[in-house]
Amino acid sequence: MREIKFRAWNESLKMMFICPNETHSLMIADSNTIVALWCSDGIFDEIPIDSLMQFTGLQDKNGVDIYEGDIDEKGFVFTYVVDMGGWYRMKNGEGLQWHSQALRNGRLPLEVSGNIHQNPELV
């Protein structure tokens, strides 16, 4: 069972906030806004839903946690595809799903280079 944790990009402060699994709570107002995200660091209001990133349960080859919205060294973005029921690496509308055989020591054999909020030029 994977660890459930989130991080959120705060555009006005240009900072990423990590919310450990035991200290977060989400309240969704509608499909566009999260009313509140409570973390051990404080309370953040009106966080756009597209700035929230969920942990995939995987790590890259360097042991870095991989979150939704992370970008690998080949420009693929990690995302959850509801219709296909799983985590994918997407690029130009094409997706690659990883399988347990691709894991080495519990890690994917690739490196996270950035994320869609701080490094959009990598896509």
PDB file of N, CA and C in Angstrom:
ATOM      1  N   MET A   1       0.838  -1.172   0.000  1.00  0.00           N
ATOM      2  CA  MET A   1       0.000   0.000   0.000  1.00  0.00           C
ATOM      3  C   MET A   1       0.886   1.239   0.000  1.00  0.00           C
ATOM      4  N   ARG A   2       0.591   2.162  -0.907  1.00  0.00           N
ATOM      5  CA  ARG A   2       1.455   3.332  -1.022  1.00  0.00           C
ATOM      6  C   ARG A   2       1.105   4.407  -0.009  1.00  0.00           C
ATOM      7  N   GLU A   3       2.083   5.213   0.287  1.00  0.00           N
ATOM      8  CA  GLU A   3       1.925   6.332   1.203  1.00  0.00           C
ATOM      9  C   GLU A   3       1.114   7.425   0.502  1.00  0.00           C
ATOM     10  N   ILE A   4       0.133   7.998   1.193  1.00  0.00           N
ATOM     11  CA  ILE A   4      -0.679   9.068   0.626  1.00  0.00           C
ATOM     12  C   ILE A   4      -0.156  10.397   1.159  1.00  0.00           C
ATOM     13  N   LYS A   5       0.357  11.221   0.257  1.00  0.00           N
ATOM     14  CA  LYS A   5       0.809  12.550   0.647  1.00  0.00           C
ATOM     15  C   LYS A   5       0.706  13.464  -0.565  1.00  0.00           C
ATOM     16  N   PHE A   6       0.689  14.751  -0.293  1.00  0.00           N
ATOM     17  CA  PHE A   6       0.503  15.757  -1.325  1.00  0.00           C
ATOM     18  C   PHE A   6       1.548  16.847  -1.195  1.00  0.00           C
ATOM     19  N   ARG A   7       1.687  17.603  -2.263  1.00  0.00           N
ATOM     20  CA  ARG A   7       2.410  18.861  -2.218  1.00  0.00           C
ATOM     21  C   ARG A   7       1.585  19.846  -3.050  1.00  0.00           C
ATOM     22  N   ALA A   8       1.777  21.135  -2.784  1.00  0.00           N
ATOM     23  CA  ALA A   8       1.009  22.157  -3.493  1.00  0.00           C
ATOM     24  C   ALA A   8       1.925  23.305  -3.874  1.00  0.00           C
ATOM     25  N   TRP A   9       1.773  23.797  -5.097  1.00  0.00           N
ATOM     26  CA  TRP A   9       2.545  24.926  -5.579  1.00  0.00           C
ATOM     27  C   TRP A   9       1.787  26.209  -5.254  1.00  0.00           C
ATOM     28  N   ASN A  10       2.432  27.134  -4.562  1.00  0.00           N
ATOM     29  CA  ASN A  10       1.852  28.427  -4.264  1.00  0.00           C
ATOM     30  C   ASN A  10       2.449  29.419  -5.245  1.00  0.00           C
ATOM     31  N   GLU A  11       1.662  29.806  -6.240  1.00  0.00           N
ATOM     32  CA  GLU A  11       2.141  30.676  -7.313  1.00  0.00           C
ATOM     33  C   GLU A  11       2.549  32.049  -6.796  1.00  0.00           C
ATOM     34  N   SER A  12       1.788  32.629  -5.876  1.00  0.00           N
ATOM     35  CA  SER A  12       2.112  33.978  -5.399  1.00  0.00           C
ATOM     36  C   SER A  12       3.416  34.018  -4.604  1.00  0.00           C
ATOM     37  N   LEU A  13       3.707  32.964  -3.827  1.00  0.00           N
ATOM     38  CA  LEU A  13       4.952  32.904  -3.064  1.00  0.00           C
ATOM     39  C   LEU A  13       6.089  32.213  -3.821  1.00  0.00           C
ATOM     40  N   LYS A  14       5.743  31.585  -4.960  1.00  0.00           N
ATOM     41  CA  LYS A  14       6.728  30.822  -5.748  1.00  0.00           C
ATOM     42  C   LYS A  14       7.416  29.768  -4.880  1.00  0.00           C
ATOM     43  N   MET A  15       6.573  29.037  -4.113  1.00  0.00           N
ATOM     44  CA  MET A  15       7.090  28.010  -3.201  1.00  0.00           C
ATOM     45  C   MET A  15       6.266  26.736  -3.316  1.00  0.00           C
ATOM     46  N   MET A  16       6.927  25.608  -3.081  1.00  0.00           N
ATOM     47  CA  MET A  16       6.269  24.316  -3.033  1.00  0.00           C
ATOM     48  C   MET A  16       6.093  23.933  -1.569  1.00  0.00           C
ATOM     49  N   PHE A  17       4.881  23.538  -1.209  1.00  0.00           N
ATOM     50  CA  PHE A  17       4.595  23.093   0.148  1.00  0.00           C
ATOM     51  C   PHE A  17       4.349  21.594   0.133  1.00  0.00           C
ATOM     52  N   ILE A  18       5.051  20.860   0.966  1.00  0.00           N
ATOM     53  CA  ILE A  18       4.893  19.414   1.090  1.00  0.00           C
ATOM     54  C   ILE A  18       3.978  19.144   2.275  1.00  0.00           C
ATOM     55  N   CYS A  19       2.995  18.286   2.067  1.00  0.00           N
ATOM     56  CA  CYS A  19       2.049  17.933   3.123  1.00  0.00           C
ATOM     57  C   CYS A  19       2.189  16.448   3.416  1.00  0.00           C
ATOM     58  N   PRO A  20       2.836  16.079   4.522  1.00  0.00           N
ATOM     59  CA  PRO A  20       2.990  14.659   4.855  1.00  0.00           C
ATOM     60  C   PRO A  20       1.638  13.980   5.050  1.00  0.00           C
ATOM     61  N   ASN A  21       1.615  12.665   4.853  1.00  0.00           N
ATOM     62  CA  ASN A  21       0.351  11.929   4.854  1.00  0.00           C
ATOM     63  C   ASN A  21      -0.448  12.055   6.136  1.00  0.00           C
ATOM     64  N   GLU A  22       0.184  12.207   7.271  1.00  0.00           N
ATOM     65  CA  GLU A  22      -0.586  12.234   8.514  1.00  0.00           C
ATOM     66  C   GLU A  22      -1.052  13.643   8.900  1.00  0.00           C
ATOM     67  N   THR A  23      -0.702  14.663   8.111  1.00  0.00           N
ATOM     68  CA  THR A  23      -1.042  16.024   8.526  1.00  0.00           C
ATOM     69  C   THR A  23      -1.754  16.817   7.447  1.00  0.00           C
ATOM     70  N   HIS A  24      -2.506  16.163   6.582  1.00  0.00           N
ATOM     71  CA  HIS A  24      -3.222  16.929   5.572  1.00  0.00           C
ATOM     72  C   HIS A  24      -4.709  16.599   5.588  1.00  0.00           C
ATOM     73  N   SER A  25      -5.472  17.525   5.118  1.00  0.00           N
ATOM     74  CA  SER A  25      -6.902  17.343   4.976  1.00  0.00           C
ATOM     75  C   SER A  25      -7.356  18.231   3.832  1.00  0.00           C
ATOM     76  N   LEU A  26      -8.145  17.690   2.939  1.00  0.00           N
ATOM     77  CA  LEU A  26      -8.603  18.452   1.786  1.00  0.00           C
ATOM     78  C   LEU A  26     -10.105  18.656   1.859  1.00  0.00           C
ATOM     79  N   MET A  27     -10.550  19.818   1.447  1.00  0.00           N
ATOM     80  CA  MET A  27     -11.977  20.075   1.302  1.00  0.00           C
ATOM     81  C   MET A  27     -12.171  20.647  -0.094  1.00  0.00           C
ATOM     82  N   ILE A  28     -12.884  19.942  -0.941  1.00  0.00           N
ATOM     83  CA  ILE A  28     -13.060  20.383  -2.321  1.00  0.00           C
ATOM     84  C   ILE A  28     -14.399  21.093  -2.459  1.00  0.00           C
ATOM     85  N   ALA A  29     -14.362  22.343  -2.951  1.00  0.00           N
ATOM     86  CA  ALA A  29     -15.579  23.125  -3.124  1.00  0.00           C
ATOM     87  C   ALA A  29     -16.245  22.789  -4.449  1.00  0.00           C
ATOM     88  N   ASP A  30     -15.474  22.705  -5.499  1.00  0.00           N
ATOM     89  CA  ASP A  30     -15.972  22.333  -6.825  1.00  0.00           C
ATOM     90  C   ASP A  30     -14.806  21.765  -7.605  1.00  0.00           C
ATOM     91  N   SER A  31     -14.974  21.525  -8.876  1.00  0.00           N
ATOM     92  CA  SER A  31     -13.913  20.886  -9.657  1.00  0.00           C
ATOM     93  C   SER A  31     -12.731  21.811  -9.932  1.00  0.00           C
ATOM     94  N   ASN A  32     -12.831  23.097  -9.591  1.00  0.00           N
ATOM     95  CA  ASN A  32     -11.749  24.038  -9.881  1.00  0.00           C
ATOM     96  C   ASN A  32     -10.969  24.519  -8.669  1.00  0.00           C
ATOM     97  N   THR A  33     -11.528  24.371  -7.469  1.00  0.00           N
ATOM     98  CA  THR A  33     -10.902  24.967  -6.294  1.00  0.00           C
ATOM     99  C   THR A  33     -10.903  24.018  -5.110  1.00  0.00           C
ATOM    100  N   ILE A  34      -9.801  23.994  -4.394  1.00  0.00           N
ATOM    101  CA  ILE A  34      -9.763  23.328  -3.099  1.00  0.00           C
ATOM    102  C   ILE A  34      -9.942  24.443  -2.079  1.00  0.00           C
ATOM    103  N   VAL A  35     -10.955  24.327  -1.242  1.00  0.00           N
ATOM    104  CA  VAL A  35     -11.240  25.379  -0.274  1.00  0.00           C
ATOM    105  C   VAL A  35     -10.114  25.510   0.730  1.00  0.00           C
ATOM    106  N   ALA A  36      -9.603  24.395   1.244  1.00  0.00           N
ATOM    107  CA  ALA A  36      -8.541  24.481   2.234  1.00  0.00           C
ATOM    108  C   ALA A  36      -7.662  23.245   2.160  1.00  0.00           C
ATOM    109  N   LEU A  37      -6.406  23.437   2.432  1.00  0.00           N
ATOM    110  CA  LEU A  37      -5.447  22.349   2.532  1.00  0.00           C
ATOM    111  C   LEU A  37      -4.693  22.589   3.836  1.00  0.00           C
ATOM    112  N   TRP A  38      -4.942  21.759   4.827  1.00  0.00           N
ATOM    113  CA  TRP A  38      -4.277  21.921   6.116  1.00  0.00           C
ATOM    114  C   TRP A  38      -3.008  21.091   6.146  1.00  0.00           C
ATOM    115  N   CYS A  39      -1.940  21.692   6.581  1.00  0.00           N
ATOM    116  CA  CYS A  39      -0.673  20.986   6.733  1.00  0.00           C
ATOM    117  C   CYS A  39      -0.106  21.333   8.100  1.00  0.00           C
ATOM    118  N   SER A  40       0.932  20.613   8.496  1.00  0.00           N
ATOM    119  CA  SER A  40       1.565  20.924   9.771  1.00  0.00           C
ATOM    120  C   SER A  40       2.179  22.322   9.737  1.00  0.00           C
ATOM    121  N   ASP A  41       2.443  22.837   8.521  1.00  0.00           N
ATOM    122  CA  ASP A  41       3.041  24.162   8.366  1.00  0.00           C
ATOM    123  C   ASP A  41       2.036  25.301   8.514  1.00  0.00           C
ATOM    124  N   GLY A  42       0.742  25.021   8.389  1.00  0.00           N
ATOM    125  CA  GLY A  42      -0.252  26.085   8.451  1.00  0.00           C
ATOM    126  C   GLY A  42      -1.441  25.771   7.575  1.00  0.00           C
ATOM    127  N   ILE A  43      -2.242  26.775   7.294  1.00  0.00           N
ATOM    128  CA  ILE A  43      -3.445  26.607   6.479  1.00  0.00           C
ATOM    129  C   ILE A  43      -3.278  27.414   5.202  1.00  0.00           C
ATOM    130  N   PHE A  44      -3.650  26.819   4.087  1.00  0.00           N
ATOM    131  CA  PHE A  44      -3.594  27.503   2.800  1.00  0.00           C
ATOM    132  C   PHE A  44      -4.997  27.484   2.215  1.00  0.00           C
ATOM    133  N   ASP A  45      -5.515  28.636   1.865  1.00  0.00           N
ATOM    134  CA  ASP A  45      -6.869  28.735   1.351  1.00  0.00           C
ATOM    135  C   ASP A  45      -6.870  28.933  -0.161  1.00  0.00           C
ATOM    136  N   GLU A  46      -7.989  28.546  -0.763  1.00  0.00           N
ATOM    137  CA  GLU A  46      -8.236  28.786  -2.186  1.00  0.00           C
ATOM    138  C   GLU A  46      -7.072  28.330  -3.080  1.00  0.00           C
ATOM    139  N   ILE A  47      -6.654  27.115  -2.902  1.00  0.00           N
ATOM    140  CA  ILE A  47      -5.588  26.560  -3.734  1.00  0.00           C
ATOM    141  C   ILE A  47      -6.222  26.020  -5.011  1.00  0.00           C
ATOM    142  N   PRO A  48      -5.792  26.496  -6.184  1.00  0.00           N
ATOM    143  CA  PRO A  48      -6.338  25.935  -7.425  1.00  0.00           C
ATOM    144  C   PRO A  48      -6.042  24.436  -7.502  1.00  0.00           C
ATOM    145  N   ILE A  49      -7.008  23.673  -7.940  1.00  0.00           N
ATOM    146  CA  ILE A  49      -6.865  22.217  -7.958  1.00  0.00           C
ATOM    147  C   ILE A  49      -5.681  21.778  -8.818  1.00  0.00           C
ATOM    148  N   ASP A  50      -5.345  22.551  -9.852  1.00  0.00           N
ATOM    149  CA  ASP A  50      -4.232  22.144 -10.719  1.00  0.00           C
ATOM    150  C   ASP A  50      -2.861  22.421 -10.113  1.00  0.00           C
ATOM    151  N   SER A  51      -2.817  23.051  -8.917  1.00  0.00           N
ATOM    152  CA  SER A  51      -1.529  23.240  -8.253  1.00  0.00           C
ATOM    153  C   SER A  51      -1.257  22.157  -7.213  1.00  0.00           C
ATOM    154  N   LEU A  52      -2.231  21.286  -6.985  1.00  0.00           N
ATOM    155  CA  LEU A  52      -2.084  20.195  -6.023  1.00  0.00           C
ATOM    156  C   LEU A  52      -1.518  18.967  -6.727  1.00  0.00           C
ATOM    157  N   MET A  53      -0.496  18.350  -6.129  1.00  0.00           N
ATOM    158  CA  MET A  53       0.150  17.178  -6.719  1.00  0.00           C
ATOM    159  C   MET A  53       0.186  16.044  -5.710  1.00  0.00           C
ATOM    160  N   GLN A  54      -0.273  14.870  -6.126  1.00  0.00           N
ATOM    161  CA  GLN A  54      -0.299  13.706  -5.249  1.00  0.00           C
ATOM    162  C   GLN A  54       0.937  12.841  -5.492  1.00  0.00           C
ATOM    163  N   PHE A  55       1.445  12.262  -4.430  1.00  0.00           N
ATOM    164  CA  PHE A  55       2.584  11.338  -4.499  1.00  0.00           C
ATOM    165  C   PHE A  55       2.169  10.091  -5.270  1.00  0.00           C
ATOM    166  N   THR A  56       2.997   9.645  -6.197  1.00  0.00           N
ATOM    167  CA  THR A  56       2.681   8.466  -7.020  1.00  0.00           C
ATOM    168  C   THR A  56       2.950   7.149  -6.294  1.00  0.00           C
ATOM    169  N   GLY A  57       3.715   7.209  -5.211  1.00  0.00           N
ATOM    170  CA  GLY A  57       4.113   5.985  -4.523  1.00  0.00           C
ATOM    171  C   GLY A  57       5.429   5.445  -5.043  1.00  0.00           C
ATOM    172  N   LEU A  58       6.044   6.153  -5.991  1.00  0.00           N
ATOM    173  CA  LEU A  58       7.295   5.713  -6.605  1.00  0.00           C
ATOM    174  C   LEU A  58       8.405   6.723  -6.362  1.00  0.00           C
ATOM    175  N   GLN A  59       9.626   6.256  -6.585  1.00  0.00           N
ATOM    176  CA  GLN A  59      10.799   7.114  -6.505  1.00  0.00           C
ATOM    177  C   GLN A  59      11.591   6.985  -7.797  1.00  0.00           C
ATOM    178  N   ASP A  60      12.389   8.019  -8.098  1.00  0.00           N
ATOM    179  CA  ASP A  60      13.265   7.916  -9.263  1.00  0.00           C
ATOM    180  C   ASP A  60      14.530   7.153  -8.879  1.00  0.00           C
ATOM    181  N   LYS A  61      15.462   7.023  -9.804  1.00  0.00           N
ATOM    182  CA  LYS A  61      16.667   6.224  -9.553  1.00  0.00           C
ATOM    183  C   LYS A  61      17.547   6.788  -8.442  1.00  0.00           C
ATOM    184  N   ASN A  62      17.340   8.066  -8.080  1.00  0.00           N
ATOM    185  CA  ASN A  62      18.116   8.704  -7.016  1.00  0.00           C
ATOM    186  C   ASN A  62      17.389   8.697  -5.679  1.00  0.00           C
ATOM    187  N   GLY A  63      16.219   8.048  -5.613  1.00  0.00           N
ATOM    188  CA  GLY A  63      15.458   7.992  -4.372  1.00  0.00           C
ATOM    189  C   GLY A  63      14.576   9.203  -4.131  1.00  0.00           C
ATOM    190  N   VAL A  64      14.386  10.045  -5.158  1.00  0.00           N
ATOM    191  CA  VAL A  64      13.526  11.230  -5.050  1.00  0.00           C
ATOM    192  C   VAL A  64      12.072  10.801  -5.253  1.00  0.00           C
ATOM    193  N   ASP A  65      11.175  11.205  -4.333  1.00  0.00           N
ATOM    194  CA  ASP A  65       9.756  10.904  -4.478  1.00  0.00           C
ATOM    195  C   ASP A  65       9.222  11.520  -5.761  1.00  0.00           C
ATOM    196  N   ILE A  66       8.386  10.773  -6.485  1.00  0.00           N
ATOM    197  CA  ILE A  66       7.785  11.252  -7.721  1.00  0.00           C
ATOM    198  C   ILE A  66       6.339  11.645  -7.443  1.00  0.00           C
ATOM    199  N   TYR A  67       6.002  12.891  -7.784  1.00  0.00           N
ATOM    200  CA  TYR A  67       4.657  13.427  -7.612  1.00  0.00           C
ATOM    201  C   TYR A  67       4.016  13.657  -8.974  1.00  0.00           C
ATOM    202  N   GLU A  68       2.700  13.698  -8.967  1.00  0.00           N
ATOM    203  CA  GLU A  68       1.952  14.090 -10.153  1.00  0.00           C
ATOM    204  C   GLU A  68       2.458  15.464 -10.579  1.00  0.00           C
ATOM    205  N   GLY A  69       2.711  15.640 -11.870  1.00  0.00           N
ATOM    206  CA  GLY A  69       3.225  16.911 -12.372  1.00  0.00           C
ATOM    207  C   GLY A  69       4.730  16.967 -12.473  1.00  0.00           C
ATOM    208  N   ASP A  70       5.440  15.946 -11.961  1.00  0.00           N
ATOM    209  CA  ASP A  70       6.889  15.908 -12.120  1.00  0.00           C
ATOM    210  C   ASP A  70       7.232  15.582 -13.568  1.00  0.00           C
ATOM    211  N   ILE A  71       8.405  16.024 -13.991  1.00  0.00           N
ATOM    212  CA  ILE A  71       8.875  15.830 -15.359  1.00  0.00           C
ATOM    213  C   ILE A  71      10.164  15.030 -15.307  1.00  0.00           C
ATOM    214  N   ASP A  72      10.246  13.978 -16.139  1.00  0.00           N
ATOM    215  CA  ASP A  72      11.487  13.191 -16.161  1.00  0.00           C
ATOM    216  C   ASP A  72      12.464  13.770 -17.173  1.00  0.00           C
ATOM    217  N   GLU A  73      13.643  13.160 -17.263  1.00  0.00           N
ATOM    218  CA  GLU A  73      14.719  13.696 -18.099  1.00  0.00           C
ATOM    219  C   GLU A  73      14.407  13.682 -19.589  1.00  0.00           C
ATOM    220  N   LYS A  74      13.371  12.950 -20.005  1.00  0.00           N
ATOM    221  CA  LYS A  74      12.987  12.903 -21.422  1.00  0.00           C
ATOM    222  C   LYS A  74      11.785  13.789 -21.725  1.00  0.00           C
ATOM    223  N   GLY A  75      11.343  14.594 -20.727  1.00  0.00           N
ATOM    224  CA  GLY A  75      10.234  15.520 -20.937  1.00  0.00           C
ATOM    225  C   GLY A  75       8.857  14.918 -20.737  1.00  0.00           C
ATOM    226  N   PHE A  76       8.781  13.697 -20.188  1.00  0.00           N
ATOM    227  CA  PHE A  76       7.490  13.078 -19.888  1.00  0.00           C
ATOM    228  C   PHE A  76       6.988  13.607 -18.544  1.00  0.00           C
ATOM    229  N   VAL A  77       5.674  13.839 -18.446  1.00  0.00           N
ATOM    230  CA  VAL A  77       5.045  14.338 -17.225  1.00  0.00           C
ATOM    231  C   VAL A  77       4.298  13.191 -16.559  1.00  0.00           C
ATOM    232  N   PHE A  78       4.491  13.032 -15.261  1.00  0.00           N
ATOM    233  CA  PHE A  78       3.780  12.005 -14.497  1.00  0.00           C
ATOM    234  C   PHE A  78       2.372  12.490 -14.212  1.00  0.00           C
ATOM    235  N   THR A  79       1.388  11.670 -14.543  1.00  0.00           N
ATOM    236  CA  THR A  79      -0.004  12.038 -14.332  1.00  0.00           C
ATOM    237  C   THR A  79      -0.860  10.808 -14.092  1.00  0.00           C
ATOM    238  N   TYR A  80      -1.964  10.991 -13.400  1.00  0.00           N
ATOM    239  CA  TYR A  80      -2.906   9.894 -13.192  1.00  0.00           C
ATOM    240  C   TYR A  80      -3.987  10.006 -14.255  1.00  0.00           C
ATOM    241  N   VAL A  81      -4.220   8.936 -15.000  1.00  0.00           N
ATOM    242  CA  VAL A  81      -5.227   8.924 -16.060  1.00  0.00           C
ATOM    243  C   VAL A  81      -6.408   8.106 -15.562  1.00  0.00           C
ATOM    244  N   VAL A  82      -7.495   8.791 -15.230  1.00  0.00           N
ATOM    245  CA  VAL A  82      -8.674   8.154 -14.651  1.00  0.00           C
ATOM    246  C   VAL A  82      -9.246   7.098 -15.595  1.00  0.00           C
ATOM    247  N   ASP A  83      -9.405   7.456 -16.876  1.00  0.00           N
ATOM    248  CA  ASP A  83      -9.998   6.524 -17.846  1.00  0.00           C
ATOM    249  C   ASP A  83      -9.203   5.234 -17.998  1.00  0.00           C
ATOM    250  N   MET A  84      -7.897   5.314 -17.777  1.00  0.00           N
ATOM    251  CA  MET A  84      -7.045   4.136 -17.922  1.00  0.00           C
ATOM    252  C   MET A  84      -6.673   3.529 -16.575  1.00  0.00           C
ATOM    253  N   GLY A  85      -7.087   4.179 -15.479  1.00  0.00           N
ATOM    254  CA  GLY A  85      -6.915   3.635 -14.139  1.00  0.00           C
ATOM    255  C   GLY A  85      -5.489   3.424 -13.685  1.00  0.00           C
ATOM    256  N   GLY A  86      -4.626   4.410 -13.896  1.00  0.00           N
ATOM    257  CA  GLY A  86      -3.266   4.248 -13.411  1.00  0.00           C
ATOM    258  C   GLY A  86      -2.393   5.462 -13.644  1.00  0.00           C
ATOM    259  N   TRP A  87      -1.187   5.405 -13.090  1.00  0.00           N
ATOM    260  CA  TRP A  87      -0.192   6.457 -13.257  1.00  0.00           C
ATOM    261  C   TRP A  87       0.522   6.250 -14.581  1.00  0.00           C
ATOM    262  N   TYR A  88       0.693   7.333 -15.320  1.00  0.00           N
ATOM    263  CA  TYR A  88       1.341   7.296 -16.625  1.00  0.00           C
ATOM    264  C   TYR A  88       2.377   8.391 -16.720  1.00  0.00           C
ATOM    265  N   ARG A  89       3.310   8.198 -17.656  1.00  0.00           N
ATOM    266  CA  ARG A  89       4.225   9.244 -18.089  1.00  0.00           C
ATOM    267  C   ARG A  89       3.681   9.706 -19.427  1.00  0.00           C
ATOM    268  N   MET A  90       3.318  10.985 -19.538  1.00  0.00           N
ATOM    269  CA  MET A  90       2.669  11.508 -20.739  1.00  0.00           C
ATOM    270  C   MET A  90       3.554  12.546 -21.420  1.00  0.00           C
ATOM    271  N   LYS A  91       3.517  12.515 -22.772  1.00  0.00           N
ATOM    272  CA  LYS A  91       4.228  13.513 -23.569  1.00  0.00           C
ATOM    273  C   LYS A  91       3.501  13.629 -24.899  1.00  0.00           C
ATOM    274  N   ASN A  92       3.133  14.861 -25.259  1.00  0.00           N
ATOM    275  CA  ASN A  92       2.435  15.116 -26.525  1.00  0.00           C
ATOM    276  C   ASN A  92       1.204  14.233 -26.701  1.00  0.00           C
ATOM    277  N   GLY A  93       0.464  14.028 -25.628  1.00  0.00           N
ATOM    278  CA  GLY A  93      -0.763  13.241 -25.700  1.00  0.00           C
ATOM    279  C   GLY A  93      -0.569  11.742 -25.707  1.00  0.00           C
ATOM    280  N   GLU A  94       0.661  11.288 -25.701  1.00  0.00           N
ATOM    281  CA  GLU A  94       0.958   9.857 -25.684  1.00  0.00           C
ATOM    282  C   GLU A  94       1.357   9.454 -24.272  1.00  0.00           C
ATOM    283  N   GLY A  95       0.939   8.265 -23.853  1.00  0.00           N
ATOM    284  CA  GLY A  95       1.239   7.832 -22.502  1.00  0.00           C
ATOM    285  C   GLY A  95       1.970   6.517 -22.428  1.00  0.00           C
ATOM    286  N   LEU A  96       2.797   6.395 -21.417  1.00  0.00           N
ATOM    287  CA  LEU A  96       3.496   5.156 -21.116  1.00  0.00           C
ATOM    288  C   LEU A  96       3.186   4.791 -19.674  1.00  0.00           C
ATOM    289  N   GLN A  97       2.637   3.598 -19.456  1.00  0.00           N
ATOM    290  CA  GLN A  97       2.392   3.162 -18.088  1.00  0.00           C
ATOM    291  C   GLN A  97       3.586   2.341 -17.631  1.00  0.00           C
ATOM    292  N   TRP A  98       3.982   2.535 -16.379  1.00  0.00           N
ATOM    293  CA  TRP A  98       5.082   1.727 -15.876  1.00  0.00           C
ATOM    294  C   TRP A  98       4.541   0.459 -15.240  1.00  0.00           C
ATOM    295  N   HIS A  99       5.358  -0.527 -15.210  1.00  0.00           N
ATOM    296  CA  HIS A  99       4.987  -1.829 -14.646  1.00  0.00           C
ATOM    297  C   HIS A  99       6.004  -2.212 -13.585  1.00  0.00           C
ATOM    298  N   SER A 100       5.638  -3.168 -12.743  1.00  0.00           N
ATOM    299  CA  SER A 100       6.522  -3.562 -11.651  1.00  0.00           C
ATOM    300  C   SER A 100       7.879  -4.051 -12.163  1.00  0.00           C
ATOM    301  N   GLN A 101       7.915  -4.593 -13.380  1.00  0.00           N
ATOM    302  CA  GLN A 101       9.185  -5.062 -13.935  1.00  0.00           C
ATOM    303  C   GLN A 101      10.154  -3.904 -14.182  1.00  0.00           C
ATOM    304  N   ALA A 102       9.619  -2.686 -14.348  1.00  0.00           N
ATOM    305  CA  ALA A 102      10.468  -1.528 -14.624  1.00  0.00           C
ATOM    306  C   ALA A 102      11.135  -1.004 -13.356  1.00  0.00           C
ATOM    307  N   LEU A 103      10.676  -1.467 -12.206  1.00  0.00           N
ATOM    308  CA  LEU A 103      11.235  -0.996 -10.952  1.00  0.00           C
ATOM    309  C   LEU A 103      12.527  -1.715 -10.606  1.00  0.00           C
ATOM    310  N   ARG A 104      13.493  -0.959 -10.137  1.00  0.00           N
ATOM    311  CA  ARG A 104      14.750  -1.531  -9.661  1.00  0.00           C
ATOM    312  C   ARG A 104      14.924  -1.067  -8.229  1.00  0.00           C
ATOM    313  N   ASN A 105      14.933  -2.022  -7.309  1.00  0.00           N
ATOM    314  CA  ASN A 105      15.035  -1.691  -5.882  1.00  0.00           C
ATOM    315  C   ASN A 105      13.924  -0.723  -5.454  1.00  0.00           C
ATOM    316  N   GLY A 106      12.723  -0.899  -6.025  1.00  0.00           N
ATOM    317  CA  GLY A 106      11.595  -0.039  -5.681  1.00  0.00           C
ATOM    318  C   GLY A 106      11.636   1.325  -6.340  1.00  0.00           C
ATOM    319  N   ARG A 107      12.527   1.492  -7.317  1.00  0.00           N
ATOM    320  CA  ARG A 107      12.681   2.787  -7.990  1.00  0.00           C
ATOM    321  C   ARG A 107      12.562   2.625  -9.496  1.00  0.00           C
ATOM    322  N   LEU A 108      12.063   3.687 -10.146  1.00  0.00           N
ATOM    323  CA  LEU A 108      12.023   3.697 -11.606  1.00  0.00           C
ATOM    324  C   LEU A 108      13.407   4.053 -12.131  1.00  0.00           C
ATOM    325  N   PRO A 109      13.836   3.458 -13.243  1.00  0.00           N
ATOM    326  CA  PRO A 109      15.180   3.728 -13.773  1.00  0.00           C
ATOM    327  C   PRO A 109      15.229   5.020 -14.597  1.00  0.00           C
ATOM    328  N   LEU A 110      14.811   6.112 -13.993  1.00  0.00           N
ATOM    329  CA  LEU A 110      14.840   7.419 -14.638  1.00  0.00           C
ATOM    330  C   LEU A 110      15.004   8.484 -13.570  1.00  0.00           C
ATOM    331  N   GLU A 111      15.195   9.718 -14.005  1.00  0.00           N
ATOM    332  CA  GLU A 111      15.462  10.797 -13.066  1.00  0.00           C
ATOM    333  C   GLU A 111      14.446  11.917 -13.238  1.00  0.00           C
ATOM    334  N   VAL A 112      13.948  12.457 -12.124  1.00  0.00           N
ATOM    335  CA  VAL A 112      13.053  13.605 -12.151  1.00  0.00           C
ATOM    336  C   VAL A 112      13.901  14.851 -12.373  1.00  0.00           C
ATOM    337  N   SER A 113      13.518  15.642 -13.388  1.00  0.00           N
ATOM    338  CA  SER A 113      14.267  16.851 -13.732  1.00  0.00           C
ATOM    339  C   SER A 113      13.621  18.123 -13.219  1.00  0.00           C
ATOM    340  N   GLY A 114      12.340  18.065 -12.881  1.00  0.00           N
ATOM    341  CA  GLY A 114      11.618  19.247 -12.417  1.00  0.00           C
ATOM    342  C   GLY A 114      10.139  18.947 -12.338  1.00  0.00           C
ATOM    343  N   ASN A 115       9.321  19.997 -12.379  1.00  0.00           N
ATOM    344  CA  ASN A 115       7.870  19.819 -12.368  1.00  0.00           C
ATOM    345  C   ASN A 115       7.218  20.892 -13.227  1.00  0.00           C
ATOM    346  N   ILE A 116       5.936  20.692 -13.520  1.00  0.00           N
ATOM    347  CA  ILE A 116       5.234  21.567 -14.461  1.00  0.00           C
ATOM    348  C   ILE A 116       5.049  22.995 -13.954  1.00  0.00           C
ATOM    349  N   HIS A 117       5.146  23.211 -12.653  1.00  0.00           N
ATOM    350  CA  HIS A 117       4.951  24.557 -12.114  1.00  0.00           C
ATOM    351  C   HIS A 117       6.241  25.358 -12.080  1.00  0.00           C
ATOM    352  N   GLN A 118       7.328  24.739 -11.673  1.00  0.00           N
ATOM    353  CA  GLN A 118       8.605  25.440 -11.544  1.00  0.00           C
ATOM    354  C   GLN A 118       9.447  25.361 -12.806  1.00  0.00           C
ATOM    355  N   ASN A 119       9.212  24.351 -13.644  1.00  0.00           N
ATOM    356  CA  ASN A 119      10.047  24.138 -14.829  1.00  0.00           C
ATOM    357  C   ASN A 119       9.207  23.813 -16.062  1.00  0.00           C
ATOM    358  N   PRO A 120       8.241  24.642 -16.460  1.00  0.00           N
ATOM    359  CA  PRO A 120       7.380  24.329 -17.600  1.00  0.00           C
ATOM    360  C   PRO A 120       8.148  24.193 -18.921  1.00  0.00           C
ATOM    361  N   GLU A 121       9.321  24.808 -18.989  1.00  0.00           N
ATOM    362  CA  GLU A 121      10.131  24.729 -20.212  1.00  0.00           C
ATOM    363  C   GLU A 121      10.660  23.312 -20.482  1.00  0.00           C
ATOM    364  N   LEU A 122      10.628  22.425 -19.479  1.00  0.00           N
ATOM    365  CA  LEU A 122      11.130  21.059 -19.653  1.00  0.00           C
ATOM    366  C   LEU A 122      10.144  20.154 -20.406  1.00  0.00           C
ATOM    367  N   VAL A 123       8.901  20.596 -20.518  1.00  0.00           N
ATOM    368  CA  VAL A 123       7.886  19.783 -21.206  1.00  0.00           C
ATOM    369  C   VAL A 123       8.051  19.921 -22.695  1.00  0.00           C
TER     370      VAL A 123
END
